[in-house]
Amino acid sequence: MAEITATVRPTREEVVPSRKRVKLPAWLEVAKPRLIPLLLATTLGGMALSEGWPLSSPRLVCTLGGGALASAAAGVLNCLWEQDLDGRMARTSGRALPSGRLSPTSAFIGAIACTLAAAMLLVSGVNCLAAGLSLLGLCSYVLLYTALLKPRTSQNIVVGGVAGAIPPLVGAAAATGHVGLGGWWLFALVMVWTPAHFWALALLLREDYRAVGIPMLPVVKGPVVTARAIKTYGWITVLLSGLGVFALPSGGAFYGVMLLPYNGRLLQLVDRLSLDPDSLVNAKALFRWSILYLFGLCLLLILSRTDLASGFAHQVMQLLSQLAGMR
């Protein structure tokens, strides 16, 4: 008698990144502090792409502090807008606002305070352009993505991703007083990186979104179409990331060489998901790597502006010149 083996598919609870390991105070939870470090990393990336790098310590602190406060305000306003929606979802019903651990009035006052503090810090310690862009990011997240696009279209994150792509512009503006080509390149890169990153998470949470009627792509089109879209945006991300070689004022060769394993791993995970779109394990792996990918890319941008990276780039150019002369 042939032995029949059954493949047990892991449940969502087993693979979705846990948010219960650290219980945050209610006032901090609504600020969504887990999102802030990546936004600040891309802000630093925007700075590193400008001729004004490195910034003075006071300006650097004011830029990052103002950006963190603006991001916190956006997180609170997002929680306020979606508190009824969160209350209807088992996964989010225990959050500070729907559970009653924090009152909406207190949250709103906190959001206004963070917004005003961010504006004052950026205007006084950086410049008005950086302050304006930071507040534009806040409004884009709350009004464009959360209020307008998220409940209405499966392409919400494609356009709404502009909110998460603004920090590089803030960084560039803080460094030079204007947004140069490098800042716009990183803005575009974050824009095309966002759909693949977010849809990987949406694959994990698609039943939650389906239960409350949010038209995320996996809910509307299913895992197969979503995995195909993720693969498309993954390839666009890889191709666009290579242009950083030219966007950097110096150290482009170092950046280009060090970027290769990052892109290789991203394409590997994207391809793995496309072969098995229903795999929650594959979706989780891609989601986690996409976060590390953007952190790593911003770190490469910063390292590329060091003297060591510039020396490496100079040696590479000399080698290429010698090889060209031998032909």
C-alpha atoms as a PDB file:
ATOM      1  CA  MET A   1       0.000   0.000   0.000  1.00  0.00           C
ATOM      2  CA  ALA A   2       1.450   3.307  -1.108  1.00  0.00           C
ATOM      3  CA  GLU A   3       2.173   5.759   1.615  1.00  0.00           C
ATOM      4  CA  ILE A   4       0.355   9.020   1.186  1.00  0.00           C
ATOM      5  CA  THR A   5       2.050  12.107   2.529  1.00  0.00           C
ATOM      6  CA  ALA A   6       0.241  15.358   2.976  1.00  0.00           C
ATOM      7  CA  THR A   7       1.869  18.721   2.696  1.00  0.00           C
ATOM      8  CA  VAL A   8       0.743  20.898   5.532  1.00  0.00           C
ATOM      9  CA  ARG A   9       0.610  24.521   4.527  1.00  0.00           C
ATOM     10  CA  PRO A  10       1.690  26.897   7.307  1.00  0.00           C
ATOM     11  CA  THR A  11      -0.945  29.223   8.643  1.00  0.00           C
ATOM     12  CA  ARG A  12      -0.677  32.990   8.367  1.00  0.00           C
ATOM     13  CA  GLU A  13      -0.045  33.248  12.104  1.00  0.00           C
ATOM     14  CA  GLU A  14       3.056  31.084  11.674  1.00  0.00           C
ATOM     15  CA  VAL A  15       4.656  33.190   8.962  1.00  0.00           C
ATOM     16  CA  VAL A  16       3.479  36.781   9.325  1.00  0.00           C
ATOM     17  CA  PRO A  17       6.133  38.868  11.099  1.00  0.00           C
ATOM     18  CA  SER A  18       4.989  39.066  14.709  1.00  0.00           C
ATOM     19  CA  ARG A  19       4.145  42.413  16.255  1.00  0.00           C
ATOM     20  CA  LYS A  20       3.304  40.996  19.655  1.00  0.00           C
ATOM     21  CA  ARG A  21       6.792  40.306  20.896  1.00  0.00           C
ATOM     22  CA  VAL A  22       7.266  43.865  22.146  1.00  0.00           C
ATOM     23  CA  LYS A  23       4.271  45.557  23.754  1.00  0.00           C
ATOM     24  CA  LEU A  24       4.607  49.283  23.213  1.00  0.00           C
ATOM     25  CA  PRO A  25       2.914  51.998  25.274  1.00  0.00           C
ATOM     26  CA  ALA A  26      -0.317  53.157  23.641  1.00  0.00           C
ATOM     27  CA  TRP A  27       0.983  56.631  22.775  1.00  0.00           C
ATOM     28  CA  LEU A  28       4.054  55.144  21.089  1.00  0.00           C
ATOM     29  CA  GLU A  29       2.194  52.362  19.322  1.00  0.00           C
ATOM     30  CA  VAL A  30       0.001  54.774  17.330  1.00  0.00           C
ATOM     31  CA  ALA A  31       3.122  56.595  16.085  1.00  0.00           C
ATOM     32  CA  LYS A  32       4.148  53.395  14.232  1.00  0.00           C
ATOM     33  CA  PRO A  33       7.810  53.587  15.299  1.00  0.00           C
ATOM     34  CA  ARG A  34       8.739  50.460  13.326  1.00  0.00           C
ATOM     35  CA  LEU A  35       8.303  52.413  10.082  1.00  0.00           C
ATOM     36  CA  ILE A  36      10.468  55.379  11.059  1.00  0.00           C
ATOM     37  CA  PRO A  37      13.999  53.882  10.796  1.00  0.00           C
ATOM     38  CA  LEU A  38      13.600  52.993   7.110  1.00  0.00           C
ATOM     39  CA  LEU A  39      12.265  56.472   6.321  1.00  0.00           C
ATOM     40  CA  LEU A  40      15.254  58.008   8.071  1.00  0.00           C
ATOM     41  CA  ALA A  41      17.599  55.663   6.196  1.00  0.00           C
ATOM     42  CA  THR A  42      16.290  56.924   2.849  1.00  0.00           C
ATOM     43  CA  THR A  43      16.619  60.481   4.149  1.00  0.00           C
ATOM     44  CA  LEU A  44      20.306  59.796   4.789  1.00  0.00           C
ATOM     45  CA  GLY A  45      20.532  58.255   1.341  1.00  0.00           C
ATOM     46  CA  GLY A  46      19.210  61.459  -0.193  1.00  0.00           C
ATOM     47  CA  MET A  47      21.832  63.427   1.722  1.00  0.00           C
ATOM     48  CA  ALA A  48      24.643  61.134   0.571  1.00  0.00           C
ATOM     49  CA  LEU A  49      23.636  61.681  -3.053  1.00  0.00           C
ATOM     50  CA  SER A  50      24.198  65.433  -2.807  1.00  0.00           C
ATOM     51  CA  GLU A  51      27.293  67.593  -2.984  1.00  0.00           C
ATOM     52  CA  GLY A  52      26.479  68.858   0.505  1.00  0.00           C
ATOM     53  CA  TRP A  53      27.457  65.568   2.152  1.00  0.00           C
ATOM     54  CA  PRO A  54      28.482  65.244   4.948  1.00  0.00           C
ATOM     55  CA  LEU A  55      26.175  67.584   6.827  1.00  0.00           C
ATOM     56  CA  SER A  56      27.071  69.359  10.033  1.00  0.00           C
ATOM     57  CA  SER A  57      25.932  67.550  13.163  1.00  0.00           C
ATOM     58  CA  PRO A  58      23.259  70.129  14.166  1.00  0.00           C
ATOM     59  CA  ARG A  59      21.690  70.103  10.698  1.00  0.00           C
ATOM     60  CA  LEU A  60      21.800  66.312  10.550  1.00  0.00           C
ATOM     61  CA  VAL A  61      20.114  65.979  13.941  1.00  0.00           C
ATOM     62  CA  CYS A  62      17.442  68.536  13.075  1.00  0.00           C
ATOM     63  CA  THR A  63      16.681  66.818   9.750  1.00  0.00           C
ATOM     64  CA  LEU A  64      16.370  63.359  11.234  1.00  0.00           C
ATOM     65  CA  GLY A  65      14.513  64.597  14.295  1.00  0.00           C
ATOM     66  CA  GLY A  66      12.036  66.571  12.207  1.00  0.00           C
ATOM     67  CA  GLY A  67      11.549  63.646   9.854  1.00  0.00           C
ATOM     68  CA  ALA A  68      10.911  61.268  12.742  1.00  0.00           C
ATOM     69  CA  LEU A  69       8.330  63.630  14.266  1.00  0.00           C
ATOM     70  CA  ALA A  70       6.547  64.110  10.932  1.00  0.00           C
ATOM     71  CA  SER A  71       6.477  60.347  10.396  1.00  0.00           C
ATOM     72  CA  ALA A  72       5.088  59.835  13.898  1.00  0.00           C
ATOM     73  CA  ALA A  73       2.355  62.396  13.245  1.00  0.00           C
ATOM     74  CA  ALA A  74       1.441  60.640   9.991  1.00  0.00           C
ATOM     75  CA  GLY A  75       1.260  57.305  11.803  1.00  0.00           C
ATOM     76  CA  VAL A  76      -1.064  58.692  14.464  1.00  0.00           C
ATOM     77  CA  LEU A  77      -3.364  60.321  11.913  1.00  0.00           C
ATOM     78  CA  ASN A  78      -3.444  57.062   9.962  1.00  0.00           C
ATOM     79  CA  CYS A  79      -4.492  55.183  13.102  1.00  0.00           C
ATOM     80  CA  LEU A  80      -7.165  57.769  13.810  1.00  0.00           C
ATOM     81  CA  TRP A  81      -8.604  57.501  10.311  1.00  0.00           C
ATOM     82  CA  GLU A  82      -8.627  53.700  10.358  1.00  0.00           C
ATOM     83  CA  GLN A  83      -9.646  53.047  13.960  1.00  0.00           C
ATOM     84  CA  ASP A  84     -13.094  51.720  12.954  1.00  0.00           C
ATOM     85  CA  LEU A  85     -11.525  49.521  10.287  1.00  0.00           C
ATOM     86  CA  ASP A  86      -8.925  48.241  12.760  1.00  0.00           C
ATOM     87  CA  GLY A  87     -11.675  47.437  15.232  1.00  0.00           C
ATOM     88  CA  ARG A  88     -13.325  45.085  12.718  1.00  0.00           C
ATOM     89  CA  MET A  89     -10.173  43.086  12.050  1.00  0.00           C
ATOM     90  CA  ALA A  90      -9.084  40.409  14.504  1.00  0.00           C
ATOM     91  CA  ARG A  91      -5.423  41.172  13.842  1.00  0.00           C
ATOM     92  CA  THR A  92      -5.745  44.873  14.696  1.00  0.00           C
ATOM     93  CA  SER A  93      -8.633  45.041  17.147  1.00  0.00           C
ATOM     94  CA  GLY A  94      -6.212  45.138  20.076  1.00  0.00           C
ATOM     95  CA  ARG A  95      -4.483  48.289  18.868  1.00  0.00           C
ATOM     96  CA  ALA A  96      -4.468  51.325  21.120  1.00  0.00           C
ATOM     97  CA  LEU A  97      -7.385  53.241  19.591  1.00  0.00           C
ATOM     98  CA  PRO A  98      -9.938  50.496  18.812  1.00  0.00           C
ATOM     99  CA  SER A  99      -9.246  48.792  22.151  1.00  0.00           C
ATOM    100  CA  GLY A 100      -9.780  52.033  24.064  1.00  0.00           C
ATOM    101  CA  ARG A 101      -6.289  52.159  25.580  1.00  0.00           C
ATOM    102  CA  LEU A 102      -5.867  55.615  24.045  1.00  0.00           C
ATOM    103  CA  SER A 103      -8.578  58.183  23.377  1.00  0.00           C
ATOM    104  CA  PRO A 104      -8.970  59.720  19.898  1.00  0.00           C
ATOM    105  CA  THR A 105      -8.696  63.199  21.410  1.00  0.00           C
ATOM    106  CA  SER A 106      -5.348  62.425  23.015  1.00  0.00           C
ATOM    107  CA  ALA A 107      -4.078  60.872  19.786  1.00  0.00           C
ATOM    108  CA  PHE A 108      -5.158  63.880  17.732  1.00  0.00           C
ATOM    109  CA  ILE A 109      -3.502  66.319  20.124  1.00  0.00           C
ATOM    110  CA  GLY A 110      -0.333  64.238  19.949  1.00  0.00           C
ATOM    111  CA  ALA A 111      -0.401  64.264  16.141  1.00  0.00           C
ATOM    112  CA  ILE A 112      -0.792  68.046  16.017  1.00  0.00           C
ATOM    113  CA  ALA A 113       2.012  68.487  18.550  1.00  0.00           C
ATOM    114  CA  CYS A 114       4.349  66.249  16.543  1.00  0.00           C
ATOM    115  CA  THR A 115       3.488  68.091  13.323  1.00  0.00           C
ATOM    116  CA  LEU A 116       4.162  71.512  14.811  1.00  0.00           C
ATOM    117  CA  ALA A 117       7.381  70.327  16.453  1.00  0.00           C
ATOM    118  CA  ALA A 118       8.582  68.820  13.163  1.00  0.00           C
ATOM    119  CA  ALA A 119       7.836  72.016  11.263  1.00  0.00           C
ATOM    120  CA  MET A 120       9.563  74.222  13.836  1.00  0.00           C
ATOM    121  CA  LEU A 121      12.626  71.980  14.005  1.00  0.00           C
ATOM    122  CA  LEU A 122      13.029  71.752  10.243  1.00  0.00           C
ATOM    123  CA  VAL A 123      12.382  75.437   9.550  1.00  0.00           C
ATOM    124  CA  SER A 124      14.698  76.695  12.286  1.00  0.00           C
ATOM    125  CA  GLY A 125      17.416  74.053  12.020  1.00  0.00           C
ATOM    126  CA  VAL A 126      17.391  73.116   8.331  1.00  0.00           C
ATOM    127  CA  ASN A 127      15.433  75.074   5.711  1.00  0.00           C
ATOM    128  CA  CYS A 128      11.885  75.745   4.537  1.00  0.00           C
ATOM    129  CA  LEU A 129      12.148  73.403   1.553  1.00  0.00           C
ATOM    130  CA  ALA A 130      12.989  70.419   3.758  1.00  0.00           C
ATOM    131  CA  ALA A 131      10.146  71.373   6.113  1.00  0.00           C
ATOM    132  CA  GLY A 132       7.663  71.720   3.252  1.00  0.00           C
ATOM    133  CA  LEU A 133       8.632  68.400   1.702  1.00  0.00           C
ATOM    134  CA  SER A 134       8.378  66.629   5.051  1.00  0.00           C
ATOM    135  CA  LEU A 135       4.861  67.969   5.589  1.00  0.00           C
ATOM    136  CA  LEU A 136       3.994  67.032   2.007  1.00  0.00           C
ATOM    137  CA  GLY A 137       4.987  63.456   2.821  1.00  0.00           C
ATOM    138  CA  LEU A 138       2.736  63.523   5.880  1.00  0.00           C
ATOM    139  CA  CYS A 139      -0.247  64.791   3.887  1.00  0.00           C
ATOM    140  CA  SER A 140       0.402  62.324   1.068  1.00  0.00           C
ATOM    141  CA  TYR A 141       0.301  59.386   3.467  1.00  0.00           C
ATOM    142  CA  VAL A 142      -2.807  60.461   5.337  1.00  0.00           C
ATOM    143  CA  LEU A 143      -4.898  62.061   2.585  1.00  0.00           C
ATOM    144  CA  LEU A 144      -3.689  60.556  -0.687  1.00  0.00           C
ATOM    145  CA  TYR A 145      -2.998  56.974   0.391  1.00  0.00           C
ATOM    146  CA  THR A 146      -5.025  56.314   3.555  1.00  0.00           C
ATOM    147  CA  ALA A 147      -8.174  58.352   2.843  1.00  0.00           C
ATOM    148  CA  LEU A 148      -8.391  58.406  -0.952  1.00  0.00           C
ATOM    149  CA  LEU A 149      -6.613  55.468  -2.586  1.00  0.00           C
ATOM    150  CA  LYS A 150      -6.461  52.594  -0.099  1.00  0.00           C
ATOM    151  CA  PRO A 151     -10.226  51.924   0.112  1.00  0.00           C
ATOM    152  CA  ARG A 152     -10.863  52.521  -3.609  1.00  0.00           C
ATOM    153  CA  THR A 153      -8.293  50.892  -5.867  1.00  0.00           C
ATOM    154  CA  SER A 154      -6.021  47.862  -5.990  1.00  0.00           C
ATOM    155  CA  GLN A 155      -3.270  50.140  -7.313  1.00  0.00           C
ATOM    156  CA  ASN A 156      -3.367  52.198  -4.110  1.00  0.00           C
ATOM    157  CA  ILE A 157       0.258  51.580  -3.169  1.00  0.00           C
ATOM    158  CA  VAL A 158       1.571  52.337  -6.668  1.00  0.00           C
ATOM    159  CA  VAL A 159       0.476  55.982  -6.459  1.00  0.00           C
ATOM    160  CA  GLY A 160       0.224  56.226  -2.689  1.00  0.00           C
ATOM    161  CA  GLY A 161       3.828  55.074  -2.393  1.00  0.00           C
ATOM    162  CA  VAL A 162       4.841  58.661  -3.101  1.00  0.00           C
ATOM    163  CA  ALA A 163       4.516  59.341   0.634  1.00  0.00           C
ATOM    164  CA  GLY A 164       7.270  56.879   1.488  1.00  0.00           C
ATOM    165  CA  ALA A 165       9.447  58.151  -1.364  1.00  0.00           C
ATOM    166  CA  ILE A 166       9.589  61.771  -0.192  1.00  0.00           C
ATOM    167  CA  PRO A 167      12.247  61.373   2.575  1.00  0.00           C
ATOM    168  CA  PRO A 168      15.107  61.208   0.013  1.00  0.00           C
ATOM    169  CA  LEU A 169      13.933  64.585  -1.271  1.00  0.00           C
ATOM    170  CA  VAL A 170      13.948  65.910   2.288  1.00  0.00           C
ATOM    171  CA  GLY A 171      17.509  64.663   2.735  1.00  0.00           C
ATOM    172  CA  ALA A 172      18.701  66.243  -0.506  1.00  0.00           C
ATOM    173  CA  ALA A 173      16.996  69.539   0.340  1.00  0.00           C
ATOM    174  CA  ALA A 174      18.552  69.514   3.805  1.00  0.00           C
ATOM    175  CA  ALA A 175      22.026  69.008   2.359  1.00  0.00           C
ATOM    176  CA  THR A 176      21.982  71.591  -0.425  1.00  0.00           C
ATOM    177  CA  GLY A 177      18.801  73.656  -0.235  1.00  0.00           C
ATOM    178  CA  HIS A 178      17.488  72.110  -3.446  1.00  0.00           C
ATOM    179  CA  VAL A 179      16.609  68.671  -4.819  1.00  0.00           C
ATOM    180  CA  GLY A 180      19.165  67.500  -7.350  1.00  0.00           C
ATOM    181  CA  LEU A 181      19.228  64.609  -9.793  1.00  0.00           C
ATOM    182  CA  GLY A 182      20.424  62.166  -7.138  1.00  0.00           C
ATOM    183  CA  GLY A 183      17.513  62.953  -4.838  1.00  0.00           C
ATOM    184  CA  TRP A 184      15.000  62.453  -7.641  1.00  0.00           C
ATOM    185  CA  TRP A 185      16.658  59.158  -8.598  1.00  0.00           C
ATOM    186  CA  LEU A 186      16.293  57.775  -5.063  1.00  0.00           C
ATOM    187  CA  PHE A 187      12.721  59.098  -4.951  1.00  0.00           C
ATOM    188  CA  ALA A 188      11.941  57.127  -8.128  1.00  0.00           C
ATOM    189  CA  LEU A 189      13.717  54.030  -6.819  1.00  0.00           C
ATOM    190  CA  VAL A 190      11.695  53.986  -3.592  1.00  0.00           C
ATOM    191  CA  MET A 191       8.521  54.492  -5.636  1.00  0.00           C
ATOM    192  CA  VAL A 192       9.139  51.375  -7.742  1.00  0.00           C
ATOM    193  CA  TRP A 193      10.474  49.392  -4.774  1.00  0.00           C
ATOM    194  CA  THR A 194       7.309  50.010  -2.733  1.00  0.00           C
ATOM    195  CA  PRO A 195       4.751  47.908  -4.678  1.00  0.00           C
ATOM    196  CA  ALA A 196       6.816  44.700  -4.574  1.00  0.00           C
ATOM    197  CA  HIS A 197       7.577  45.261  -0.886  1.00  0.00           C
ATOM    198  CA  PHE A 198       3.993  45.992   0.099  1.00  0.00           C
ATOM    199  CA  TRP A 199       2.298  43.385  -2.088  1.00  0.00           C
ATOM    200  CA  ALA A 200       4.492  40.709  -0.515  1.00  0.00           C
ATOM    201  CA  LEU A 201       3.012  41.728   2.844  1.00  0.00           C
ATOM    202  CA  ALA A 202      -0.470  41.976   1.324  1.00  0.00           C
ATOM    203  CA  LEU A 203      -0.189  38.333   0.223  1.00  0.00           C
ATOM    204  CA  LEU A 204       0.288  37.416   3.879  1.00  0.00           C
ATOM    205  CA  LEU A 205      -2.635  39.557   5.012  1.00  0.00           C
ATOM    206  CA  ARG A 206      -5.003  39.115   2.069  1.00  0.00           C
ATOM    207  CA  GLU A 207      -7.702  37.352   4.106  1.00  0.00           C
ATOM    208  CA  ASP A 208      -7.687  40.181   6.633  1.00  0.00           C
ATOM    209  CA  TYR A 209      -8.068  42.739   3.857  1.00  0.00           C
ATOM    210  CA  ARG A 210     -10.764  40.648   2.198  1.00  0.00           C
ATOM    211  CA  ALA A 211     -12.754  40.465   5.441  1.00  0.00           C
ATOM    212  CA  VAL A 212     -13.073  44.252   5.665  1.00  0.00           C
ATOM    213  CA  GLY A 213     -13.396  44.990   1.956  1.00  0.00           C
ATOM    214  CA  ILE A 214     -10.037  46.662   1.301  1.00  0.00           C
ATOM    215  CA  PRO A 215      -9.248  46.136  -2.417  1.00  0.00           C
ATOM    216  CA  MET A 216      -5.596  45.170  -2.142  1.00  0.00           C
ATOM    217  CA  LEU A 217      -4.193  43.549  -5.288  1.00  0.00           C
ATOM    218  CA  PRO A 218      -4.063  39.984  -3.848  1.00  0.00           C
ATOM    219  CA  VAL A 219      -7.727  40.315  -2.853  1.00  0.00           C
ATOM    220  CA  VAL A 220      -8.912  41.678  -6.203  1.00  0.00           C
ATOM    221  CA  LYS A 221      -6.664  39.804  -8.635  1.00  0.00           C
ATOM    222  CA  GLY A 222      -5.363  36.856  -6.603  1.00  0.00           C
ATOM    223  CA  PRO A 223      -1.858  35.595  -5.775  1.00  0.00           C
ATOM    224  CA  VAL A 224      -0.849  34.680  -9.345  1.00  0.00           C
ATOM    225  CA  VAL A 225      -1.427  38.150 -10.781  1.00  0.00           C
ATOM    226  CA  THR A 226       0.099  39.714  -7.673  1.00  0.00           C
ATOM    227  CA  ALA A 227       3.251  37.601  -7.957  1.00  0.00           C
ATOM    228  CA  ARG A 228       3.527  38.576 -11.619  1.00  0.00           C
ATOM    229  CA  ALA A 229       3.218  42.265 -10.709  1.00  0.00           C
ATOM    230  CA  ILE A 230       5.797  41.833  -7.942  1.00  0.00           C
ATOM    231  CA  LYS A 231       8.210  40.305 -10.447  1.00  0.00           C
ATOM    232  CA  THR A 232       7.723  43.231 -12.820  1.00  0.00           C
ATOM    233  CA  TYR A 233       8.382  45.833 -10.143  1.00  0.00           C
ATOM    234  CA  GLY A 234      11.254  43.765  -8.772  1.00  0.00           C
ATOM    235  CA  TRP A 235      13.021  43.885 -12.131  1.00  0.00           C
ATOM    236  CA  ILE A 236      12.322  47.604 -12.512  1.00  0.00           C
ATOM    237  CA  THR A 237      13.803  48.145  -9.046  1.00  0.00           C
ATOM    238  CA  VAL A 238      16.953  46.238  -9.961  1.00  0.00           C
ATOM    239  CA  LEU A 239      17.408  48.092 -13.249  1.00  0.00           C
ATOM    240  CA  LEU A 240      16.776  51.493 -11.709  1.00  0.00           C
ATOM    241  CA  SER A 241      19.046  50.796  -8.749  1.00  0.00           C
ATOM    242  CA  GLY A 242      21.984  50.465 -11.144  1.00  0.00           C
ATOM    243  CA  LEU A 243      21.634  54.115 -12.158  1.00  0.00           C
ATOM    244  CA  GLY A 244      22.968  55.033  -8.731  1.00  0.00           C
ATOM    245  CA  VAL A 245      26.423  54.527 -10.242  1.00  0.00           C
ATOM    246  CA  PHE A 246      25.827  57.749 -12.187  1.00  0.00           C
ATOM    247  CA  ALA A 247      23.705  59.547  -9.588  1.00  0.00           C
ATOM    248  CA  LEU A 248      26.438  59.484  -6.931  1.00  0.00           C
ATOM    249  CA  PRO A 249      28.852  62.452  -6.966  1.00  0.00           C
ATOM    250  CA  SER A 250      31.674  60.020  -6.135  1.00  0.00           C
ATOM    251  CA  GLY A 251      32.206  56.325  -5.382  1.00  0.00           C
ATOM    252  CA  GLY A 252      29.814  55.094  -8.059  1.00  0.00           C
ATOM    253  CA  ALA A 253      31.998  52.115  -8.990  1.00  0.00           C
ATOM    254  CA  PHE A 254      32.099  50.924  -5.373  1.00  0.00           C
ATOM    255  CA  TYR A 255      28.316  51.221  -5.151  1.00  0.00           C
ATOM    256  CA  GLY A 256      27.821  49.323  -8.405  1.00  0.00           C
ATOM    257  CA  VAL A 257      29.995  46.384  -7.378  1.00  0.00           C
ATOM    258  CA  MET A 258      28.560  46.092  -3.857  1.00  0.00           C
ATOM    259  CA  LEU A 259      24.990  46.324  -5.170  1.00  0.00           C
ATOM    260  CA  LEU A 260      25.244  43.103  -7.180  1.00  0.00           C
ATOM    261  CA  PRO A 261      24.569  40.612  -4.337  1.00  0.00           C
ATOM    262  CA  TYR A 262      21.655  42.716  -3.087  1.00  0.00           C
ATOM    263  CA  ASN A 263      20.004  42.663  -6.496  1.00  0.00           C
ATOM    264  CA  GLY A 264      20.825  38.992  -7.005  1.00  0.00           C
ATOM    265  CA  ARG A 265      19.072  38.014  -3.805  1.00  0.00           C
ATOM    266  CA  LEU A 266      16.062  40.213  -4.592  1.00  0.00           C
ATOM    267  CA  LEU A 267      15.604  38.617  -8.013  1.00  0.00           C
ATOM    268  CA  GLN A 268      16.024  35.140  -6.532  1.00  0.00           C
ATOM    269  CA  LEU A 269      13.209  35.717  -4.033  1.00  0.00           C
ATOM    270  CA  VAL A 270      10.977  37.398  -6.617  1.00  0.00           C
ATOM    271  CA  ASP A 271      11.426  34.459  -8.980  1.00  0.00           C
ATOM    272  CA  ARG A 272      10.809  31.960  -6.183  1.00  0.00           C
ATOM    273  CA  LEU A 273       7.498  33.653  -5.357  1.00  0.00           C
ATOM    274  CA  SER A 274       6.445  33.752  -9.006  1.00  0.00           C
ATOM    275  CA  LEU A 275       6.913  29.966  -9.184  1.00  0.00           C
ATOM    276  CA  ASP A 276       4.702  29.419  -6.118  1.00  0.00           C
ATOM    277  CA  PRO A 277       2.449  32.474  -5.609  1.00  0.00           C
ATOM    278  CA  ASP A 278       0.428  30.760  -2.865  1.00  0.00           C
ATOM    279  CA  SER A 279       3.457  30.216  -0.648  1.00  0.00           C
ATOM    280  CA  LEU A 280       3.229  32.353   2.470  1.00  0.00           C
ATOM    281  CA  VAL A 281       6.794  31.380   3.326  1.00  0.00           C
ATOM    282  CA  ASN A 282       8.065  32.817   0.030  1.00  0.00           C
ATOM    283  CA  ALA A 283       6.023  35.982   0.482  1.00  0.00           C
ATOM    284  CA  LYS A 284       7.393  36.424   3.980  1.00  0.00           C
ATOM    285  CA  ALA A 285      10.985  35.932   2.806  1.00  0.00           C
ATOM    286  CA  LEU A 286      10.568  38.529   0.058  1.00  0.00           C
ATOM    287  CA  PHE A 287       8.909  41.008   2.410  1.00  0.00           C
ATOM    288  CA  ARG A 288      11.718  40.737   4.932  1.00  0.00           C
ATOM    289  CA  TRP A 289      14.483  40.942   2.337  1.00  0.00           C
ATOM    290  CA  SER A 290      12.891  43.972   0.671  1.00  0.00           C
ATOM    291  CA  ILE A 291      13.310  45.859   3.948  1.00  0.00           C
ATOM    292  CA  LEU A 292      16.928  44.783   4.313  1.00  0.00           C
ATOM    293  CA  TYR A 293      17.462  45.624   0.643  1.00  0.00           C
ATOM    294  CA  LEU A 294      16.504  49.265   1.025  1.00  0.00           C
ATOM    295  CA  PHE A 295      18.449  49.624   4.275  1.00  0.00           C
ATOM    296  CA  GLY A 296      21.469  48.060   2.589  1.00  0.00           C
ATOM    297  CA  LEU A 297      21.199  50.238  -0.497  1.00  0.00           C
ATOM    298  CA  CYS A 298      21.123  53.411   1.595  1.00  0.00           C
ATOM    299  CA  LEU A 299      24.113  52.157   3.564  1.00  0.00           C
ATOM    300  CA  LEU A 300      25.967  51.605   0.284  1.00  0.00           C
ATOM    301  CA  LEU A 301      25.198  55.172  -0.769  1.00  0.00           C
ATOM    302  CA  ILE A 302      26.728  56.476   2.446  1.00  0.00           C
ATOM    303  CA  LEU A 303      29.769  54.200   2.237  1.00  0.00           C
ATOM    304  CA  SER A 304      30.263  55.220  -1.392  1.00  0.00           C
ATOM    305  CA  ARG A 305      30.972  58.793  -0.286  1.00  0.00           C
ATOM    306  CA  THR A 306      33.952  57.743   1.846  1.00  0.00           C
ATOM    307  CA  ASP A 307      37.560  58.261   0.740  1.00  0.00           C
ATOM    308  CA  LEU A 308      38.077  54.498   0.548  1.00  0.00           C
ATOM    309  CA  ALA A 309      35.195  54.094  -1.905  1.00  0.00           C
ATOM    310  CA  SER A 310      36.419  57.036  -3.989  1.00  0.00           C
ATOM    311  CA  GLY A 311      39.868  55.452  -4.165  1.00  0.00           C
ATOM    312  CA  PHE A 312      38.324  52.158  -5.242  1.00  0.00           C
ATOM    313  CA  ALA A 313      36.332  53.918  -7.959  1.00  0.00           C
ATOM    314  CA  HIS A 314      39.481  55.691  -9.172  1.00  0.00           C
ATOM    315  CA  GLN A 315      41.375  52.402  -9.419  1.00  0.00           C
ATOM    316  CA  VAL A 316      38.513  50.814 -11.342  1.00  0.00           C
ATOM    317  CA  MET A 317      38.517  53.687 -13.836  1.00  0.00           C
ATOM    318  CA  GLN A 318      42.274  53.382 -14.273  1.00  0.00           C
ATOM    319  CA  LEU A 319      41.949  49.650 -14.889  1.00  0.00           C
ATOM    320  CA  LEU A 320      39.206  50.190 -17.466  1.00  0.00           C
ATOM    321  CA  SER A 321      41.320  52.816 -19.198  1.00  0.00           C
ATOM    322  CA  GLN A 322      44.275  50.437 -19.359  1.00  0.00           C
ATOM    323  CA  LEU A 323      42.106  47.662 -20.751  1.00  0.00           C
ATOM    324  CA  ALA A 324      40.703  50.026 -23.356  1.00  0.00           C
ATOM    325  CA  GLY A 325      44.233  51.085 -24.321  1.00  0.00           C
ATOM    326  CA  MET A 326      45.268  47.469 -24.890  1.00  0.00           C
ATOM    327  CA  ARG A 327      42.667  46.957 -27.608  1.00  0.00           C
END
